[in-house]
Amino acid sequence: MNMIDTIRSVAIIGAGQMGTGIAQVFATRGYTVRIHDLSIHVMELSKLKMKKSLEKLYEKHQVTDFPETILSRVTYCDTMRELQDCNVYIESVFENFDVKSNILYKLNQYIDEHTYLATNTSSFSITSLAHMISHPDRFVGFHFMNPPPLMNLIEVIKGVHSSDETYNFFWTLANDLGKTPIYSRNTPGFVLNRILIPMINEAIYALSENVSTPEQIDNAMKLGANHPIGPLALADLIGLDTVLAILKTLQKECGNTKYCPSPLLEQYVMRGHLGRKTKKGFFEYD
C-alpha cells in the first residue's frame, strides 16, 4: 500500500512541541500537512522550531530534501474549518482530557466512514475519548514519542469500538513514516509511560530527599543502566507539566499510590519551571 497516494492531506491539531514534531515527520516523508492551533503565536513559534530542526537534520545528513522543500508541504491554518477536506486527523494538544474531548467533538463534523482519526494522548483511555465521535470505529490512539522526528516508536492503541481496518491503517502508516509501531492494550499510560513515568517520578523523589544532585542522579542511570539520557533531563524534555498530568492520570485510573506525584514536581510546575520549553526545569537551558 502506497500511503501517500491514498491520503489527500494530514491534519494535525495542536502546534505545540509534539504537534510540530508530528507535522515535521509527515512532511519529511512527503505528505501534505495542515496544522491548526488556536494561538497564532504558538503557530509562529512552531514554524521557527520546525525550520531550525530541519536545518540541523539536513546539516547532519539525516534528511535528504532541502528544509525549504519539506516546509513547503506544511500549511498553518487559523481555523479548524480549513482542515475539512483532510482525510487523516491527528489530535495532539496538551494532555488534558476535557481539552482533548472538546477538540474531538469539534472535529466530529469532518469525520465520516472514509476518514481516519487518531489521538496522540500519552495516557487517556481511547474508548473514553471516542465518546465524542459519531464514528468511533475510525478512531485509535497513535502515540508518538518525544521528539517525534528522532524517536522511532509509535504506540498504536485500539479502543473498544476501533475497527481492525482502522487499526491496520495506522499500523501501516507508522511503518510508512519510518517508525516502529507496537501494540498496547487500552490501559492507563499504555506501555511506555506505564514504565517510564514512575521511574522519572522516583528520580524526582530521590532529588527531593537529597540522595544526590540532578547531575549525579542522571549519571547513575546513564552510566549504570546505559540510558542515553538521564530521567531528570528526560523529564525536562517531555515537559514537567506533561509528566505531572500523566502521573495524575495513572494515579486516578489505577488507584495505586505508587503513581503519587512527587511534591517537588508539583512545586516546579506551580512555579512555571517546566523544563526545556521554559528554559528552566531540573536543569537550565539557553
C-alpha atoms as a PDB file:
ATOM      1  CA  MET A   1       0.000   0.000   0.000  1.00  0.00           C
ATOM      2  CA  ASN A   2       1.401   3.413  -1.011  1.00  0.00           C
ATOM      3  CA  MET A   3       0.078   5.551   1.829  1.00  0.00           C
ATOM      4  CA  ILE A   4       0.913   8.900   0.212  1.00  0.00           C
ATOM      5  CA  ASP A   5      -1.278   8.006  -2.794  1.00  0.00           C
ATOM      6  CA  THR A   6      -4.250   7.226  -0.531  1.00  0.00           C
ATOM      7  CA  ILE A   7      -4.034  10.312   1.720  1.00  0.00           C
ATOM      8  CA  ARG A   8      -5.042  13.754   0.449  1.00  0.00           C
ATOM      9  CA  SER A   9      -3.598  15.568   3.430  1.00  0.00           C
ATOM     10  CA  VAL A  10      -2.955  15.035   7.132  1.00  0.00           C
ATOM     11  CA  ALA A  11      -4.383  17.444   9.694  1.00  0.00           C
ATOM     12  CA  ILE A  12      -2.538  17.990  12.965  1.00  0.00           C
ATOM     13  CA  ILE A  13      -4.467  19.776  15.698  1.00  0.00           C
ATOM     14  CA  GLY A  14      -2.081  21.398  18.159  1.00  0.00           C
ATOM     15  CA  ALA A  15       1.091  23.262  17.149  1.00  0.00           C
ATOM     16  CA  GLY A  16       2.988  22.730  20.375  1.00  0.00           C
ATOM     17  CA  GLN A  17       6.096  20.632  20.841  1.00  0.00           C
ATOM     18  CA  MET A  18       4.503  17.314  19.875  1.00  0.00           C
ATOM     19  CA  GLY A  19       2.200  18.610  17.138  1.00  0.00           C
ATOM     20  CA  THR A  20       5.086  20.419  15.457  1.00  0.00           C
ATOM     21  CA  GLY A  21       7.256  17.311  15.603  1.00  0.00           C
ATOM     22  CA  ILE A  22       4.497  15.070  14.212  1.00  0.00           C
ATOM     23  CA  ALA A  23       3.833  17.506  11.366  1.00  0.00           C
ATOM     24  CA  GLN A  24       7.557  17.529  10.595  1.00  0.00           C
ATOM     25  CA  VAL A  25       7.661  13.715  10.462  1.00  0.00           C
ATOM     26  CA  PHE A  26       4.813  13.576   7.944  1.00  0.00           C
ATOM     27  CA  ALA A  27       6.174  16.415   5.803  1.00  0.00           C
ATOM     28  CA  THR A  28       9.647  14.852   5.761  1.00  0.00           C
ATOM     29  CA  ARG A  29       8.146  11.640   4.373  1.00  0.00           C
ATOM     30  CA  GLY A  30       6.418  13.557   1.559  1.00  0.00           C
ATOM     31  CA  TYR A  31       2.928  14.048   2.997  1.00  0.00           C
ATOM     32  CA  THR A  32       0.919  17.258   2.642  1.00  0.00           C
ATOM     33  CA  VAL A  33       0.228  18.547   6.149  1.00  0.00           C
ATOM     34  CA  ARG A  34      -2.109  21.129   7.645  1.00  0.00           C
ATOM     35  CA  ILE A  35      -1.558  22.180  11.236  1.00  0.00           C
ATOM     36  CA  HIS A  36      -4.016  24.156  13.356  1.00  0.00           C
ATOM     37  CA  ASP A  37      -3.789  25.815  16.748  1.00  0.00           C
ATOM     38  CA  LEU A  38      -5.996  28.387  18.466  1.00  0.00           C
ATOM     39  CA  SER A  39      -2.920  30.522  19.188  1.00  0.00           C
ATOM     40  CA  ILE A  40      -1.342  32.437  16.294  1.00  0.00           C
ATOM     41  CA  HIS A  41       1.729  32.952  18.497  1.00  0.00           C
ATOM     42  CA  VAL A  42       2.103  29.205  19.055  1.00  0.00           C
ATOM     43  CA  MET A  43       1.883  28.582  15.314  1.00  0.00           C
ATOM     44  CA  GLU A  44       4.557  31.203  14.612  1.00  0.00           C
ATOM     45  CA  LEU A  45       6.842  29.518  17.148  1.00  0.00           C
ATOM     46  CA  SER A  46       6.047  26.175  15.528  1.00  0.00           C
ATOM     47  CA  LYS A  47       7.244  27.451  12.131  1.00  0.00           C
ATOM     48  CA  LEU A  48      10.527  28.635  13.634  1.00  0.00           C
ATOM     49  CA  LYS A  49      11.080  25.399  15.578  1.00  0.00           C
ATOM     50  CA  MET A  50      10.409  23.222  12.546  1.00  0.00           C
ATOM     51  CA  LYS A  51      12.718  25.280  10.337  1.00  0.00           C
ATOM     52  CA  LYS A  52      15.519  25.132  12.917  1.00  0.00           C
ATOM     53  CA  SER A  53      15.043  21.392  13.437  1.00  0.00           C
ATOM     54  CA  LEU A  54      15.090  20.618   9.713  1.00  0.00           C
ATOM     55  CA  GLU A  55      18.191  22.738   9.152  1.00  0.00           C
ATOM     56  CA  LYS A  56      20.030  20.801  11.876  1.00  0.00           C
ATOM     57  CA  LEU A  57      18.935  17.446  10.465  1.00  0.00           C
ATOM     58  CA  TYR A  58      19.926  18.493   6.947  1.00  0.00           C
ATOM     59  CA  GLU A  59      23.378  19.556   8.132  1.00  0.00           C
ATOM     60  CA  LYS A  60      23.794  16.133   9.729  1.00  0.00           C
ATOM     61  CA  HIS A  61      22.580  14.419   6.518  1.00  0.00           C
ATOM     62  CA  GLN A  62      19.608  12.931   8.395  1.00  0.00           C
ATOM     63  CA  VAL A  63      17.113  14.318   5.867  1.00  0.00           C
ATOM     64  CA  THR A  64      17.707  14.373   2.118  1.00  0.00           C
ATOM     65  CA  ASP A  65      15.227  17.027   0.965  1.00  0.00           C
ATOM     66  CA  PHE A  66      16.081  20.687   1.421  1.00  0.00           C
ATOM     67  CA  PRO A  67      14.414  22.158   4.540  1.00  0.00           C
ATOM     68  CA  GLU A  68      12.528  24.623   2.309  1.00  0.00           C
ATOM     69  CA  THR A  69      11.090  21.725   0.287  1.00  0.00           C
ATOM     70  CA  ILE A  70       9.822  19.970   3.396  1.00  0.00           C
ATOM     71  CA  LEU A  71       8.426  23.183   4.865  1.00  0.00           C
ATOM     72  CA  SER A  72       6.535  23.860   1.627  1.00  0.00           C
ATOM     73  CA  ARG A  73       4.410  20.775   2.370  1.00  0.00           C
ATOM     74  CA  VAL A  74       3.151  22.299   5.653  1.00  0.00           C
ATOM     75  CA  THR A  75       0.289  24.815   5.836  1.00  0.00           C
ATOM     76  CA  TYR A  76      -0.663  26.595   9.062  1.00  0.00           C
ATOM     77  CA  CYS A  77      -4.409  27.093   9.446  1.00  0.00           C
ATOM     78  CA  ASP A  78      -6.053  29.777  11.580  1.00  0.00           C
ATOM     79  CA  THR A  79      -9.388  27.951  11.698  1.00  0.00           C
ATOM     80  CA  MET A  80     -10.409  24.330  12.017  1.00  0.00           C
ATOM     81  CA  ARG A  81     -12.677  24.816   9.005  1.00  0.00           C
ATOM     82  CA  GLU A  82      -9.563  24.845   6.800  1.00  0.00           C
ATOM     83  CA  LEU A  83      -8.955  21.199   7.751  1.00  0.00           C
ATOM     84  CA  GLN A  84     -12.302  19.950   6.459  1.00  0.00           C
ATOM     85  CA  ASP A  85     -11.123  18.172   3.301  1.00  0.00           C
ATOM     86  CA  CYS A  86      -8.297  16.238   5.005  1.00  0.00           C
ATOM     87  CA  ASN A  87      -8.821  12.505   5.359  1.00  0.00           C
ATOM     88  CA  VAL A  88      -6.464  11.824   8.280  1.00  0.00           C
ATOM     89  CA  TYR A  89      -6.727  13.820  11.520  1.00  0.00           C
ATOM     90  CA  ILE A  90      -4.373  13.587  14.491  1.00  0.00           C
ATOM     91  CA  GLU A  91      -5.187  15.428  17.705  1.00  0.00           C
ATOM     92  CA  SER A  92      -2.048  16.446  19.608  1.00  0.00           C
ATOM     93  CA  VAL A  93      -2.952  19.088  22.159  1.00  0.00           C
ATOM     94  CA  PHE A  94      -1.968  19.337  25.831  1.00  0.00           C
ATOM     95  CA  GLU A  95      -2.578  16.259  27.976  1.00  0.00           C
ATOM     96  CA  ASN A  96      -5.918  17.358  29.415  1.00  0.00           C
ATOM     97  CA  PHE A  97      -8.975  15.140  28.970  1.00  0.00           C
ATOM     98  CA  ASP A  98     -11.504  17.974  28.714  1.00  0.00           C
ATOM     99  CA  VAL A  99      -9.414  19.885  26.172  1.00  0.00           C
ATOM    100  CA  LYS A 100      -8.898  16.784  24.041  1.00  0.00           C
ATOM    101  CA  SER A 101     -12.577  15.855  24.258  1.00  0.00           C
ATOM    102  CA  ASN A 102     -13.585  19.337  23.134  1.00  0.00           C
ATOM    103  CA  ILE A 103     -11.232  19.153  20.136  1.00  0.00           C
ATOM    104  CA  LEU A 104     -12.564  15.735  19.123  1.00  0.00           C
ATOM    105  CA  TYR A 105     -16.155  16.975  19.484  1.00  0.00           C
ATOM    106  CA  LYS A 106     -15.401  19.872  17.117  1.00  0.00           C
ATOM    107  CA  LEU A 107     -13.605  17.571  14.659  1.00  0.00           C
ATOM    108  CA  ASN A 108     -16.588  15.245  14.571  1.00  0.00           C
ATOM    109  CA  GLN A 109     -18.296  17.317  11.853  1.00  0.00           C
ATOM    110  CA  TYR A 110     -15.477  16.398   9.436  1.00  0.00           C
ATOM    111  CA  ILE A 111     -15.374  12.665  10.211  1.00  0.00           C
ATOM    112  CA  ASP A 112     -17.191  10.123   8.058  1.00  0.00           C
ATOM    113  CA  GLU A 113     -16.848   6.483   7.066  1.00  0.00           C
ATOM    114  CA  HIS A 114     -13.858   7.333   4.857  1.00  0.00           C
ATOM    115  CA  THR A 115     -11.939   9.463   7.363  1.00  0.00           C
ATOM    116  CA  TYR A 116      -9.327   8.337   9.883  1.00  0.00           C
ATOM    117  CA  LEU A 117      -8.905   9.985  13.274  1.00  0.00           C
ATOM    118  CA  ALA A 118      -6.309   9.453  15.997  1.00  0.00           C
ATOM    119  CA  THR A 119      -5.227  10.982  19.280  1.00  0.00           C
ATOM    120  CA  ASN A 120      -1.635  11.402  20.369  1.00  0.00           C
ATOM    121  CA  THR A 121      -2.619  11.047  24.013  1.00  0.00           C
ATOM    122  CA  SER A 122       0.045   9.552  26.236  1.00  0.00           C
ATOM    123  CA  SER A 123      -2.272   8.276  28.950  1.00  0.00           C
ATOM    124  CA  PHE A 124      -6.030   8.752  28.428  1.00  0.00           C
ATOM    125  CA  SER A 125      -8.487   5.993  27.525  1.00  0.00           C
ATOM    126  CA  ILE A 126      -9.114   5.734  23.787  1.00  0.00           C
ATOM    127  CA  THR A 127     -12.576   4.329  24.470  1.00  0.00           C
ATOM    128  CA  SER A 128     -13.494   7.273  26.707  1.00  0.00           C
ATOM    129  CA  LEU A 129     -12.267   9.842  24.176  1.00  0.00           C
ATOM    130  CA  ALA A 130     -14.208   8.028  21.417  1.00  0.00           C
ATOM    131  CA  HIS A 131     -17.486   9.018  23.097  1.00  0.00           C
ATOM    132  CA  MET A 132     -17.084  12.427  21.424  1.00  0.00           C
ATOM    133  CA  ILE A 133     -17.119  10.882  17.936  1.00  0.00           C
ATOM    134  CA  SER A 134     -20.023   9.651  15.809  1.00  0.00           C
ATOM    135  CA  HIS A 135     -17.732   7.157  14.021  1.00  0.00           C
ATOM    136  CA  PRO A 136     -15.715   5.665  16.923  1.00  0.00           C
ATOM    137  CA  ASP A 137     -14.699   2.754  14.689  1.00  0.00           C
ATOM    138  CA  ARG A 138     -12.495   5.239  12.747  1.00  0.00           C
ATOM    139  CA  PHE A 139     -10.556   6.278  15.879  1.00  0.00           C
ATOM    140  CA  VAL A 140      -7.401   4.929  17.585  1.00  0.00           C
ATOM    141  CA  GLY A 141      -4.540   6.059  19.762  1.00  0.00           C
ATOM    142  CA  PHE A 142      -1.434   6.952  17.738  1.00  0.00           C
ATOM    143  CA  HIS A 143       1.161   7.896  20.335  1.00  0.00           C
ATOM    144  CA  PHE A 144       4.445   9.376  19.110  1.00  0.00           C
ATOM    145  CA  MET A 145       7.474   9.657  21.362  1.00  0.00           C
ATOM    146  CA  ASN A 146       9.197  12.973  22.071  1.00  0.00           C
ATOM    147  CA  PRO A 147      10.814  14.344  19.952  1.00  0.00           C
ATOM    148  CA  PRO A 148       8.870  12.729  17.070  1.00  0.00           C
ATOM    149  CA  PRO A 149      11.487  13.407  14.346  1.00  0.00           C
ATOM    150  CA  LEU A 150      14.153  11.494  16.294  1.00  0.00           C
ATOM    151  CA  MET A 151      12.265   8.777  18.165  1.00  0.00           C
ATOM    152  CA  ASN A 152      11.379   5.582  16.291  1.00  0.00           C
ATOM    153  CA  LEU A 153       8.497   4.262  18.387  1.00  0.00           C
ATOM    154  CA  ILE A 154       4.746   4.773  17.888  1.00  0.00           C
ATOM    155  CA  GLU A 155       2.214   3.075  20.173  1.00  0.00           C
ATOM    156  CA  VAL A 156      -0.974   2.097  18.332  1.00  0.00           C
ATOM    157  CA  ILE A 157      -3.891   1.604  20.710  1.00  0.00           C
ATOM    158  CA  LYS A 158      -7.338   0.209  19.937  1.00  0.00           C
ATOM    159  CA  GLY A 159     -10.389   1.369  21.836  1.00  0.00           C
ATOM    160  CA  VAL A 160     -13.414  -0.848  22.326  1.00  0.00           C
ATOM    161  CA  HIS A 161     -15.001   0.461  19.128  1.00  0.00           C
ATOM    162  CA  SER A 162     -11.874   0.796  16.947  1.00  0.00           C
ATOM    163  CA  SER A 163     -12.194  -1.332  13.824  1.00  0.00           C
ATOM    164  CA  ASP A 164      -9.481  -3.707  12.677  1.00  0.00           C
ATOM    165  CA  GLU A 165      -9.376  -1.802   9.390  1.00  0.00           C
ATOM    166  CA  THR A 166      -8.628   1.494  11.173  1.00  0.00           C
ATOM    167  CA  TYR A 167      -6.046  -0.130  13.421  1.00  0.00           C
ATOM    168  CA  ASN A 168      -4.321  -1.735  10.440  1.00  0.00           C
ATOM    169  CA  PHE A 169      -4.365   1.575   8.554  1.00  0.00           C
ATOM    170  CA  PHE A 170      -2.483   3.368  11.326  1.00  0.00           C
ATOM    171  CA  TRP A 171      -0.104   0.447  11.836  1.00  0.00           C
ATOM    172  CA  THR A 172       0.804   0.618   8.141  1.00  0.00           C
ATOM    173  CA  LEU A 173       1.022   4.407   8.334  1.00  0.00           C
ATOM    174  CA  ALA A 174       3.523   4.165  11.210  1.00  0.00           C
ATOM    175  CA  ASN A 175       5.716   1.899   9.112  1.00  0.00           C
ATOM    176  CA  ASP A 176       5.420   4.250   6.138  1.00  0.00           C
ATOM    177  CA  LEU A 177       6.671   7.084   8.348  1.00  0.00           C
ATOM    178  CA  GLY A 178       9.799   5.046   9.042  1.00  0.00           C
ATOM    179  CA  LYS A 179       8.697   4.320  12.612  1.00  0.00           C
ATOM    180  CA  THR A 180       8.294   1.064  14.533  1.00  0.00           C
ATOM    181  CA  PRO A 181       4.725   0.523  15.780  1.00  0.00           C
ATOM    182  CA  ILE A 182       3.922  -1.527  18.865  1.00  0.00           C
ATOM    183  CA  TYR A 183       0.561  -2.719  20.149  1.00  0.00           C
ATOM    184  CA  SER A 184      -0.733  -1.594  23.515  1.00  0.00           C
ATOM    185  CA  ARG A 185      -3.938  -2.542  25.252  1.00  0.00           C
ATOM    186  CA  ASN A 186      -6.145   0.434  26.106  1.00  0.00           C
ATOM    187  CA  THR A 187      -4.849   0.792  29.642  1.00  0.00           C
ATOM    188  CA  PRO A 188      -3.631   3.894  31.554  1.00  0.00           C
ATOM    189  CA  GLY A 189      -0.193   5.004  30.350  1.00  0.00           C
ATOM    190  CA  PHE A 190      -0.146   2.248  27.695  1.00  0.00           C
ATOM    191  CA  VAL A 191       3.293   0.548  27.547  1.00  0.00           C
ATOM    192  CA  LEU A 192       5.999   3.186  27.630  1.00  0.00           C
ATOM    193  CA  ASN A 193       4.616   5.695  30.126  1.00  0.00           C
ATOM    194  CA  ARG A 194       3.358   2.963  32.437  1.00  0.00           C
ATOM    195  CA  ILE A 195       7.041   2.087  32.926  1.00  0.00           C
ATOM    196  CA  LEU A 196       8.854   5.355  32.199  1.00  0.00           C
ATOM    197  CA  ILE A 197       6.878   7.952  34.167  1.00  0.00           C
ATOM    198  CA  PRO A 198       7.106   6.164  37.555  1.00  0.00           C
ATOM    199  CA  MET A 199      10.888   5.894  37.010  1.00  0.00           C
ATOM    200  CA  ILE A 200      11.105   9.645  36.396  1.00  0.00           C
ATOM    201  CA  ASN A 201       8.936  10.286  39.441  1.00  0.00           C
ATOM    202  CA  GLU A 202      11.232   8.136  41.600  1.00  0.00           C
ATOM    203  CA  ALA A 203      14.242  10.115  40.363  1.00  0.00           C
ATOM    204  CA  ILE A 204      12.465  13.320  41.443  1.00  0.00           C
ATOM    205  CA  TYR A 205      11.742  11.780  44.857  1.00  0.00           C
ATOM    206  CA  ALA A 206      15.446  10.900  45.137  1.00  0.00           C
ATOM    207  CA  LEU A 207      16.338  14.516  44.352  1.00  0.00           C
ATOM    208  CA  SER A 208      13.848  15.868  46.890  1.00  0.00           C
ATOM    209  CA  GLU A 209      15.331  13.582  49.563  1.00  0.00           C
ATOM    210  CA  ASN A 210      18.859  14.824  48.774  1.00  0.00           C
ATOM    211  CA  VAL A 211      20.022  11.363  47.730  1.00  0.00           C
ATOM    212  CA  SER A 212      22.236  13.106  45.166  1.00  0.00           C
ATOM    213  CA  THR A 213      22.401  16.046  42.773  1.00  0.00           C
ATOM    214  CA  PRO A 214      20.448  16.227  39.494  1.00  0.00           C
ATOM    215  CA  GLU A 215      23.647  15.662  37.515  1.00  0.00           C
ATOM    216  CA  GLN A 216      24.664  12.616  39.557  1.00  0.00           C
ATOM    217  CA  ILE A 217      21.178  11.089  39.522  1.00  0.00           C
ATOM    218  CA  ASP A 218      21.158  11.323  35.745  1.00  0.00           C
ATOM    219  CA  ASN A 219      24.718   9.988  35.511  1.00  0.00           C
ATOM    220  CA  ALA A 220      23.699   6.994  37.623  1.00  0.00           C
ATOM    221  CA  MET A 221      21.107   5.991  35.029  1.00  0.00           C
ATOM    222  CA  LYS A 222      23.246   6.866  32.007  1.00  0.00           C
ATOM    223  CA  LEU A 223      26.388   5.086  33.194  1.00  0.00           C
ATOM    224  CA  GLY A 224      24.825   2.406  35.386  1.00  0.00           C
ATOM    225  CA  ALA A 225      21.766   1.482  33.314  1.00  0.00           C
ATOM    226  CA  ASN A 226      23.042   2.532  29.862  1.00  0.00           C
ATOM    227  CA  HIS A 227      20.230   5.050  29.346  1.00  0.00           C
ATOM    228  CA  PRO A 228      21.092   7.621  26.647  1.00  0.00           C
ATOM    229  CA  ILE A 229      19.588  10.434  28.741  1.00  0.00           C
ATOM    230  CA  GLY A 230      19.013  10.729  32.478  1.00  0.00           C
ATOM    231  CA  PRO A 231      15.481  10.718  33.942  1.00  0.00           C
ATOM    232  CA  LEU A 232      15.583  14.349  35.108  1.00  0.00           C
ATOM    233  CA  ALA A 233      16.848  15.642  31.759  1.00  0.00           C
ATOM    234  CA  LEU A 234      14.214  13.486  30.073  1.00  0.00           C
ATOM    235  CA  ALA A 235      11.523  14.991  32.296  1.00  0.00           C
ATOM    236  CA  ASP A 236      12.688  18.449  31.199  1.00  0.00           C
ATOM    237  CA  LEU A 237      12.473  17.333  27.563  1.00  0.00           C
ATOM    238  CA  ILE A 238       8.969  15.883  27.944  1.00  0.00           C
ATOM    239  CA  GLY A 239       7.781  18.895  29.962  1.00  0.00           C
ATOM    240  CA  LEU A 240       7.273  18.727  33.716  1.00  0.00           C
ATOM    241  CA  ASP A 241       3.623  19.724  33.322  1.00  0.00           C
ATOM    242  CA  THR A 242       3.093  16.757  30.995  1.00  0.00           C
ATOM    243  CA  VAL A 243       4.889  14.388  33.387  1.00  0.00           C
ATOM    244  CA  LEU A 244       2.646  15.617  36.208  1.00  0.00           C
ATOM    245  CA  ALA A 245      -0.504  15.246  34.102  1.00  0.00           C
ATOM    246  CA  ILE A 246       0.379  11.655  33.184  1.00  0.00           C
ATOM    247  CA  LEU A 247       1.123  10.761  36.805  1.00  0.00           C
ATOM    248  CA  LYS A 248      -2.218  12.165  37.922  1.00  0.00           C
ATOM    249  CA  THR A 249      -3.999  10.147  35.243  1.00  0.00           C
ATOM    250  CA  LEU A 250      -2.171   6.962  36.264  1.00  0.00           C
ATOM    251  CA  GLN A 251      -2.948   7.598  39.918  1.00  0.00           C
ATOM    252  CA  LYS A 252      -6.635   8.242  39.218  1.00  0.00           C
ATOM    253  CA  GLU A 253      -7.181   5.393  36.753  1.00  0.00           C
ATOM    254  CA  CYS A 254      -5.092   2.735  38.522  1.00  0.00           C
ATOM    255  CA  GLY A 255      -5.906   3.770  42.090  1.00  0.00           C
ATOM    256  CA  ASN A 256      -2.363   2.984  43.198  1.00  0.00           C
ATOM    257  CA  THR A 257      -0.270   5.215  45.468  1.00  0.00           C
ATOM    258  CA  LYS A 258       2.913   4.284  43.593  1.00  0.00           C
ATOM    259  CA  TYR A 259       1.859   6.842  40.982  1.00  0.00           C
ATOM    260  CA  CYS A 260       1.562   9.675  43.527  1.00  0.00           C
ATOM    261  CA  PRO A 261       3.467  12.673  42.055  1.00  0.00           C
ATOM    262  CA  SER A 262       6.476  13.935  43.970  1.00  0.00           C
ATOM    263  CA  PRO A 263       5.639  17.207  45.781  1.00  0.00           C
ATOM    264  CA  LEU A 264       8.841  18.624  44.285  1.00  0.00           C
ATOM    265  CA  LEU A 265       7.487  18.012  40.779  1.00  0.00           C
ATOM    266  CA  GLU A 266       4.276  19.822  41.681  1.00  0.00           C
ATOM    267  CA  GLN A 267       6.297  22.748  43.054  1.00  0.00           C
ATOM    268  CA  TYR A 268       8.302  23.077  39.849  1.00  0.00           C
ATOM    269  CA  VAL A 269       5.130  23.075  37.751  1.00  0.00           C
ATOM    270  CA  MET A 270       3.467  25.603  40.044  1.00  0.00           C
ATOM    271  CA  ARG A 271       6.460  27.934  39.624  1.00  0.00           C
ATOM    272  CA  GLY A 272       6.302  27.589  35.846  1.00  0.00           C
ATOM    273  CA  HIS A 273       9.627  25.743  35.659  1.00  0.00           C
ATOM    274  CA  LEU A 274       8.502  23.219  33.046  1.00  0.00           C
ATOM    275  CA  GLY A 275      11.804  22.167  31.506  1.00  0.00           C
ATOM    276  CA  ARG A 276      13.233  22.952  28.090  1.00  0.00           C
ATOM    277  CA  LYS A 277      10.163  24.817  26.863  1.00  0.00           C
ATOM    278  CA  THR A 278      10.540  27.415  29.637  1.00  0.00           C
ATOM    279  CA  LYS A 279      14.364  27.228  29.653  1.00  0.00           C
ATOM    280  CA  LYS A 280      14.329  26.013  33.250  1.00  0.00           C
ATOM    281  CA  GLY A 281      13.425  22.758  34.942  1.00  0.00           C
ATOM    282  CA  PHE A 282      15.758  20.453  36.837  1.00  0.00           C
ATOM    283  CA  PHE A 283      18.428  21.975  34.591  1.00  0.00           C
ATOM    284  CA  GLU A 284      18.737  25.351  32.880  1.00  0.00           C
ATOM    285  CA  TYR A 285      18.801  25.819  29.099  1.00  0.00           C
ATOM    286  CA  ASP A 286      19.909  28.566  26.744  1.00  0.00           C
END
